């Protein structure tokens, strides 16, 4: 078994999660296949008062199912968070669908980041996976409302990306911005923030 230090970008990947998860992250990195490419452009967000650096993209192949099966439930969520940043959109979608049920605060930046990307099928998957996002008092409303209230610049940047991708790729299919799934999701995030503050 390789050590977590053998994974290109391991320190960056460890920084994507709160410090109390460091041992779990190292266990996850031990099953992540080696990659010749380092993670790309981490973005900083506040998760319950702690700054984490989430990679924009990662490049390792997915680990073998038996290795994933040996991870604890928390470690599996960490792994799915990391692979929600994978360079292949199909891989991102598979893994984000696995983290959407989680109520862990450190999952939120991985989910919100996907709202500002260009793959509308992933945005649709996020919307399906967060059915109670705008339900006052729900765990989803609380989790995402709190996270985004702490990170208004991240929400604003995500919204600008949504507008840009709609304008570039989806204006023909969704002639009105408000009907574009990314716009709907951003509005739902804003509703969750309003419930939280």
C-alpha atoms as a PDB file:
ATOM      1  CA  UNK A   1       0.000   0.000   0.000  1.00  0.00           C
ATOM      2  CA  UNK A   2       1.337   3.420  -0.866  1.00  0.00           C
ATOM      3  CA  UNK A   3       1.542   6.219   1.641  1.00  0.00           C
ATOM      4  CA  UNK A   4      -0.608   9.353   1.215  1.00  0.00           C
ATOM      5  CA  UNK A   5       2.578  11.296   0.451  1.00  0.00           C
ATOM      6  CA  UNK A   6       2.883   9.273  -2.789  1.00  0.00           C
ATOM      7  CA  UNK A   7      -0.265  10.928  -4.180  1.00  0.00           C
ATOM      8  CA  UNK A   8       0.642  13.961  -6.286  1.00  0.00           C
ATOM      9  CA  UNK A   9      -0.849  16.968  -4.527  1.00  0.00           C
ATOM     10  CA  UNK A  10      -1.507  15.141  -1.236  1.00  0.00           C
ATOM     11  CA  UNK A  11      -0.910  18.225   0.963  1.00  0.00           C
ATOM     12  CA  UNK A  12      -3.354  20.172  -1.209  1.00  0.00           C
ATOM     13  CA  UNK A  13      -5.943  17.417  -0.935  1.00  0.00           C
ATOM     14  CA  UNK A  14      -5.555  17.235   2.841  1.00  0.00           C
ATOM     15  CA  UNK A  15      -6.215  20.985   3.004  1.00  0.00           C
ATOM     16  CA  UNK A  16      -9.603  20.453   1.324  1.00  0.00           C
ATOM     17  CA  UNK A  17     -11.078  19.249   4.618  1.00  0.00           C
ATOM     18  CA  UNK A  18     -11.217  20.498   8.214  1.00  0.00           C
ATOM     19  CA  UNK A  19      -8.212  19.562  10.353  1.00  0.00           C
ATOM     20  CA  UNK A  20     -10.200  17.134  12.525  1.00  0.00           C
ATOM     21  CA  UNK A  21     -10.551  14.877   9.447  1.00  0.00           C
ATOM     22  CA  UNK A  22      -6.792  14.701   8.733  1.00  0.00           C
ATOM     23  CA  UNK A  23      -6.407  11.032   9.731  1.00  0.00           C
ATOM     24  CA  UNK A  24      -9.445  10.045   7.665  1.00  0.00           C
ATOM     25  CA  UNK A  25      -8.190  12.021   4.660  1.00  0.00           C
ATOM     26  CA  UNK A  26      -4.835  10.241   4.874  1.00  0.00           C
ATOM     27  CA  UNK A  27      -6.638   6.866   4.860  1.00  0.00           C
ATOM     28  CA  UNK A  28      -8.549   7.953   1.751  1.00  0.00           C
ATOM     29  CA  UNK A  29      -5.414   9.188  -0.003  1.00  0.00           C
ATOM     30  CA  UNK A  30      -3.804   5.807   0.626  1.00  0.00           C
ATOM     31  CA  UNK A  31      -6.347   4.204  -1.764  1.00  0.00           C
ATOM     32  CA  UNK A  32      -6.315   6.972  -4.400  1.00  0.00           C
ATOM     33  CA  UNK A  33      -4.304   5.838  -7.459  1.00  0.00           C
ATOM     34  CA  UNK A  34      -1.222   7.820  -8.330  1.00  0.00           C
ATOM     35  CA  UNK A  35      -1.583  10.650 -10.818  1.00  0.00           C
ATOM     36  CA  UNK A  36       1.062  12.436 -12.835  1.00  0.00           C
ATOM     37  CA  UNK A  37      -0.941  15.654 -12.656  1.00  0.00           C
ATOM     38  CA  UNK A  38      -1.334  17.742  -9.516  1.00  0.00           C
ATOM     39  CA  UNK A  39      -4.714  19.108  -8.404  1.00  0.00           C
ATOM     40  CA  UNK A  40      -5.571  22.409 -10.060  1.00  0.00           C
ATOM     41  CA  UNK A  41      -6.285  25.844  -8.576  1.00  0.00           C
ATOM     42  CA  UNK A  42      -7.688  25.262  -5.105  1.00  0.00           C
ATOM     43  CA  UNK A  43     -10.296  27.735  -3.918  1.00  0.00           C
ATOM     44  CA  UNK A  44     -10.536  28.868  -0.302  1.00  0.00           C
ATOM     45  CA  UNK A  45     -13.799  28.782   1.626  1.00  0.00           C
ATOM     46  CA  UNK A  46     -14.805  28.954   5.277  1.00  0.00           C
ATOM     47  CA  UNK A  47     -16.317  25.788   6.756  1.00  0.00           C
ATOM     48  CA  UNK A  48     -17.585  26.507  10.266  1.00  0.00           C
ATOM     49  CA  UNK A  49     -14.798  28.979  10.969  1.00  0.00           C
ATOM     50  CA  UNK A  50     -11.973  26.984   9.376  1.00  0.00           C
ATOM     51  CA  UNK A  51     -10.482  27.785   5.964  1.00  0.00           C
ATOM     52  CA  UNK A  52     -10.270  24.838   3.584  1.00  0.00           C
ATOM     53  CA  UNK A  53      -8.683  24.752   0.114  1.00  0.00           C
ATOM     54  CA  UNK A  54     -10.796  22.699  -2.290  1.00  0.00           C
ATOM     55  CA  UNK A  55      -9.129  21.718  -5.588  1.00  0.00           C
ATOM     56  CA  UNK A  56     -10.833  22.884  -8.763  1.00  0.00           C
ATOM     57  CA  UNK A  57      -9.847  19.637 -10.508  1.00  0.00           C
ATOM     58  CA  UNK A  58      -8.137  16.355  -9.668  1.00  0.00           C
ATOM     59  CA  UNK A  59      -6.817  13.776 -12.120  1.00  0.00           C
ATOM     60  CA  UNK A  60      -6.251  10.344 -10.523  1.00  0.00           C
ATOM     61  CA  UNK A  61      -8.216   7.353 -11.738  1.00  0.00           C
ATOM     62  CA  UNK A  62     -10.948   6.119  -9.423  1.00  0.00           C
ATOM     63  CA  UNK A  63      -9.845   3.592  -6.795  1.00  0.00           C
ATOM     64  CA  UNK A  64     -10.895  -0.043  -7.024  1.00  0.00           C
ATOM     65  CA  UNK A  65     -14.250  -0.889  -5.417  1.00  0.00           C
ATOM     66  CA  UNK A  66     -12.744  -3.301  -2.836  1.00  0.00           C
ATOM     67  CA  UNK A  67     -10.428  -0.535  -1.575  1.00  0.00           C
ATOM     68  CA  UNK A  68     -13.349   1.892  -1.303  1.00  0.00           C
ATOM     69  CA  UNK A  69     -15.376  -0.764   0.527  1.00  0.00           C
ATOM     70  CA  UNK A  70     -12.718  -0.963   3.249  1.00  0.00           C
ATOM     71  CA  UNK A  71     -13.070   2.740   4.048  1.00  0.00           C
ATOM     72  CA  UNK A  72     -15.302   3.897   6.894  1.00  0.00           C
ATOM     73  CA  UNK A  73     -18.542   5.735   5.975  1.00  0.00           C
ATOM     74  CA  UNK A  74     -16.919   9.119   6.739  1.00  0.00           C
ATOM     75  CA  UNK A  75     -13.881   8.196   4.656  1.00  0.00           C
ATOM     76  CA  UNK A  76     -16.136   7.187   1.769  1.00  0.00           C
ATOM     77  CA  UNK A  77     -17.826  10.602   1.883  1.00  0.00           C
ATOM     78  CA  UNK A  78     -14.376  12.239   1.818  1.00  0.00           C
ATOM     79  CA  UNK A  79     -13.437  10.143  -1.212  1.00  0.00           C
ATOM     80  CA  UNK A  80     -16.678  11.051  -3.004  1.00  0.00           C
ATOM     81  CA  UNK A  81     -16.072  14.739  -2.226  1.00  0.00           C
ATOM     82  CA  UNK A  82     -12.612  14.550  -3.792  1.00  0.00           C
ATOM     83  CA  UNK A  83     -13.879  12.774  -6.897  1.00  0.00           C
ATOM     84  CA  UNK A  84     -16.663  15.339  -7.299  1.00  0.00           C
ATOM     85  CA  UNK A  85     -13.714  17.517  -8.410  1.00  0.00           C
ATOM     86  CA  UNK A  86     -12.518  15.010 -11.042  1.00  0.00           C
ATOM     87  CA  UNK A  87     -11.709  16.238 -14.550  1.00  0.00           C
ATOM     88  CA  UNK A  88     -14.286  13.848 -16.096  1.00  0.00           C
ATOM     89  CA  UNK A  89     -17.855  15.127 -15.747  1.00  0.00           C
ATOM     90  CA  UNK A  90     -19.329  11.624 -15.567  1.00  0.00           C
ATOM     91  CA  UNK A  91     -17.054  10.830 -12.627  1.00  0.00           C
ATOM     92  CA  UNK A  92     -18.007  14.122 -10.934  1.00  0.00           C
ATOM     93  CA  UNK A  93     -21.694  13.341 -11.313  1.00  0.00           C
ATOM     94  CA  UNK A  94     -21.390   9.786  -9.937  1.00  0.00           C
ATOM     95  CA  UNK A  95     -19.563  11.013  -6.878  1.00  0.00           C
ATOM     96  CA  UNK A  96     -21.636  14.111  -6.150  1.00  0.00           C
ATOM     97  CA  UNK A  97     -24.746  11.945  -6.145  1.00  0.00           C
ATOM     98  CA  UNK A  98     -23.134   9.970  -3.296  1.00  0.00           C
ATOM     99  CA  UNK A  99     -22.439  13.050  -1.129  1.00  0.00           C
ATOM    100  CA  UNK A 100     -25.730  14.911  -1.535  1.00  0.00           C
ATOM    101  CA  UNK A 101     -27.448  13.009   1.323  1.00  0.00           C
ATOM    102  CA  UNK A 102     -24.677  14.013   3.754  1.00  0.00           C
ATOM    103  CA  UNK A 103     -25.331  16.598   6.453  1.00  0.00           C
ATOM    104  CA  UNK A 104     -21.609  17.176   7.061  1.00  0.00           C
ATOM    105  CA  UNK A 105     -20.778  20.879   6.747  1.00  0.00           C
ATOM    106  CA  UNK A 106     -17.528  20.122   4.895  1.00  0.00           C
ATOM    107  CA  UNK A 107     -19.486  18.589   1.984  1.00  0.00           C
ATOM    108  CA  UNK A 108     -21.141  21.904   1.064  1.00  0.00           C
ATOM    109  CA  UNK A 109     -18.247  23.534  -0.853  1.00  0.00           C
ATOM    110  CA  UNK A 110     -17.912  20.487  -3.091  1.00  0.00           C
ATOM    111  CA  UNK A 111     -21.624  20.609  -3.951  1.00  0.00           C
ATOM    112  CA  UNK A 112     -21.911  24.375  -4.394  1.00  0.00           C
ATOM    113  CA  UNK A 113     -18.868  24.473  -6.685  1.00  0.00           C
ATOM    114  CA  UNK A 114     -20.685  22.164  -9.109  1.00  0.00           C
ATOM    115  CA  UNK A 115     -23.539  24.666  -9.451  1.00  0.00           C
ATOM    116  CA  UNK A 116     -21.117  27.027 -11.166  1.00  0.00           C
ATOM    117  CA  UNK A 117     -19.898  24.556 -13.757  1.00  0.00           C
ATOM    118  CA  UNK A 118     -21.056  23.906 -17.297  1.00  0.00           C
ATOM    119  CA  UNK A 119     -22.485  20.366 -17.077  1.00  0.00           C
ATOM    120  CA  UNK A 120     -26.232  20.879 -16.765  1.00  0.00           C
ATOM    121  CA  UNK A 121     -26.796  17.189 -15.985  1.00  0.00           C
ATOM    122  CA  UNK A 122     -24.718  17.606 -12.822  1.00  0.00           C
ATOM    123  CA  UNK A 123     -26.659  20.732 -11.878  1.00  0.00           C
ATOM    124  CA  UNK A 124     -29.886  18.754 -12.347  1.00  0.00           C
ATOM    125  CA  UNK A 125     -28.475  15.954 -10.156  1.00  0.00           C
ATOM    126  CA  UNK A 126     -27.643  18.478  -7.425  1.00  0.00           C
ATOM    127  CA  UNK A 127     -31.158  19.914  -7.554  1.00  0.00           C
ATOM    128  CA  UNK A 128     -32.691  16.424  -7.335  1.00  0.00           C
ATOM    129  CA  UNK A 129     -30.397  15.569  -4.433  1.00  0.00           C
ATOM    130  CA  UNK A 130     -31.324  18.675  -2.425  1.00  0.00           C
ATOM    131  CA  UNK A 131     -35.143  18.505  -2.379  1.00  0.00           C
ATOM    132  CA  UNK A 132     -35.398  20.312   0.982  1.00  0.00           C
ATOM    133  CA  UNK A 133     -32.930  23.095   0.220  1.00  0.00           C
ATOM    134  CA  UNK A 134     -35.623  25.777   0.457  1.00  0.00           C
ATOM    135  CA  UNK A 135     -37.677  24.118   3.207  1.00  0.00           C
ATOM    136  CA  UNK A 136     -37.342  26.351   6.274  1.00  0.00           C
ATOM    137  CA  UNK A 137     -35.767  24.492   9.179  1.00  0.00           C
ATOM    138  CA  UNK A 138     -34.641  21.503   7.100  1.00  0.00           C
ATOM    139  CA  UNK A 139     -31.124  20.119   7.495  1.00  0.00           C
ATOM    140  CA  UNK A 140     -30.326  20.995   3.875  1.00  0.00           C
ATOM    141  CA  UNK A 141     -31.561  24.571   4.237  1.00  0.00           C
ATOM    142  CA  UNK A 142     -29.560  25.007   7.447  1.00  0.00           C
ATOM    143  CA  UNK A 143     -26.374  23.385   6.099  1.00  0.00           C
ATOM    144  CA  UNK A 144     -26.197  25.285   2.802  1.00  0.00           C
ATOM    145  CA  UNK A 145     -27.622  28.505   4.232  1.00  0.00           C
ATOM    146  CA  UNK A 146     -24.967  28.584   6.955  1.00  0.00           C
ATOM    147  CA  UNK A 147     -22.147  27.698   4.578  1.00  0.00           C
ATOM    148  CA  UNK A 148     -23.117  30.306   1.982  1.00  0.00           C
ATOM    149  CA  UNK A 149     -23.766  32.994   4.607  1.00  0.00           C
ATOM    150  CA  UNK A 150     -20.119  32.502   5.663  1.00  0.00           C
ATOM    151  CA  UNK A 151     -18.960  32.623   2.027  1.00  0.00           C
ATOM    152  CA  UNK A 152     -20.837  35.411   0.193  1.00  0.00           C
ATOM    153  CA  UNK A 153     -17.972  36.000  -2.260  1.00  0.00           C
ATOM    154  CA  UNK A 154     -17.990  32.306  -3.200  1.00  0.00           C
ATOM    155  CA  UNK A 155     -21.747  32.449  -3.839  1.00  0.00           C
ATOM    156  CA  UNK A 156     -21.325  35.613  -5.938  1.00  0.00           C
ATOM    157  CA  UNK A 157     -18.520  34.008  -7.980  1.00  0.00           C
ATOM    158  CA  UNK A 158     -20.604  30.867  -8.472  1.00  0.00           C
ATOM    159  CA  UNK A 159     -23.517  32.977  -9.683  1.00  0.00           C
ATOM    160  CA  UNK A 160     -21.291  34.819 -12.170  1.00  0.00           C
ATOM    161  CA  UNK A 161     -20.118  31.472 -13.518  1.00  0.00           C
ATOM    162  CA  UNK A 162     -23.711  30.278 -13.843  1.00  0.00           C
ATOM    163  CA  UNK A 163     -24.597  33.390 -15.859  1.00  0.00           C
ATOM    164  CA  UNK A 164     -21.518  32.976 -18.038  1.00  0.00           C
ATOM    165  CA  UNK A 165     -22.140  29.292 -18.832  1.00  0.00           C
ATOM    166  CA  UNK A 166     -25.817  29.971 -19.523  1.00  0.00           C
ATOM    167  CA  UNK A 167     -24.882  32.779 -21.907  1.00  0.00           C
ATOM    168  CA  UNK A 168     -22.208  30.718 -23.668  1.00  0.00           C
ATOM    169  CA  UNK A 169     -23.803  27.250 -23.869  1.00  0.00           C
ATOM    170  CA  UNK A 170     -27.468  27.243 -22.854  1.00  0.00           C
ATOM    171  CA  UNK A 171     -29.110  30.489 -23.971  1.00  0.00           C
ATOM    172  CA  UNK A 172     -30.610  28.686 -26.972  1.00  0.00           C
ATOM    173  CA  UNK A 173     -32.227  25.980 -24.848  1.00  0.00           C
ATOM    174  CA  UNK A 174     -33.209  28.285 -21.949  1.00  0.00           C
ATOM    175  CA  UNK A 175     -34.036  31.640 -23.532  1.00  0.00           C
ATOM    176  CA  UNK A 176     -34.759  33.176 -20.129  1.00  0.00           C
ATOM    177  CA  UNK A 177     -31.974  32.960 -17.548  1.00  0.00           C
ATOM    178  CA  UNK A 178     -34.412  32.296 -14.707  1.00  0.00           C
ATOM    179  CA  UNK A 179     -35.452  28.990 -16.352  1.00  0.00           C
ATOM    180  CA  UNK A 180     -31.881  27.665 -16.600  1.00  0.00           C
ATOM    181  CA  UNK A 181     -31.330  24.931 -13.939  1.00  0.00           C
ATOM    182  CA  UNK A 182     -28.189  26.672 -12.667  1.00  0.00           C
ATOM    183  CA  UNK A 183     -30.145  29.895 -12.131  1.00  0.00           C
ATOM    184  CA  UNK A 184     -32.869  28.002 -10.284  1.00  0.00           C
ATOM    185  CA  UNK A 185     -30.259  26.356  -8.051  1.00  0.00           C
ATOM    186  CA  UNK A 186     -28.568  29.694  -7.296  1.00  0.00           C
ATOM    187  CA  UNK A 187     -31.935  31.154  -6.329  1.00  0.00           C
ATOM    188  CA  UNK A 188     -32.524  28.163  -4.037  1.00  0.00           C
ATOM    189  CA  UNK A 189     -29.110  28.730  -2.437  1.00  0.00           C
ATOM    190  CA  UNK A 190     -30.031  32.399  -1.899  1.00  0.00           C
ATOM    191  CA  UNK A 191     -33.308  31.337  -0.276  1.00  0.00           C
ATOM    192  CA  UNK A 192     -31.377  29.046   2.086  1.00  0.00           C
ATOM    193  CA  UNK A 193     -29.060  31.933   3.002  1.00  0.00           C
ATOM    194  CA  UNK A 194     -32.054  34.188   3.695  1.00  0.00           C
ATOM    195  CA  UNK A 195     -33.497  31.519   6.004  1.00  0.00           C
ATOM    196  CA  UNK A 196     -30.213  31.296   7.856  1.00  0.00           C
ATOM    197  CA  UNK A 197     -29.508  34.981   8.505  1.00  0.00           C
END
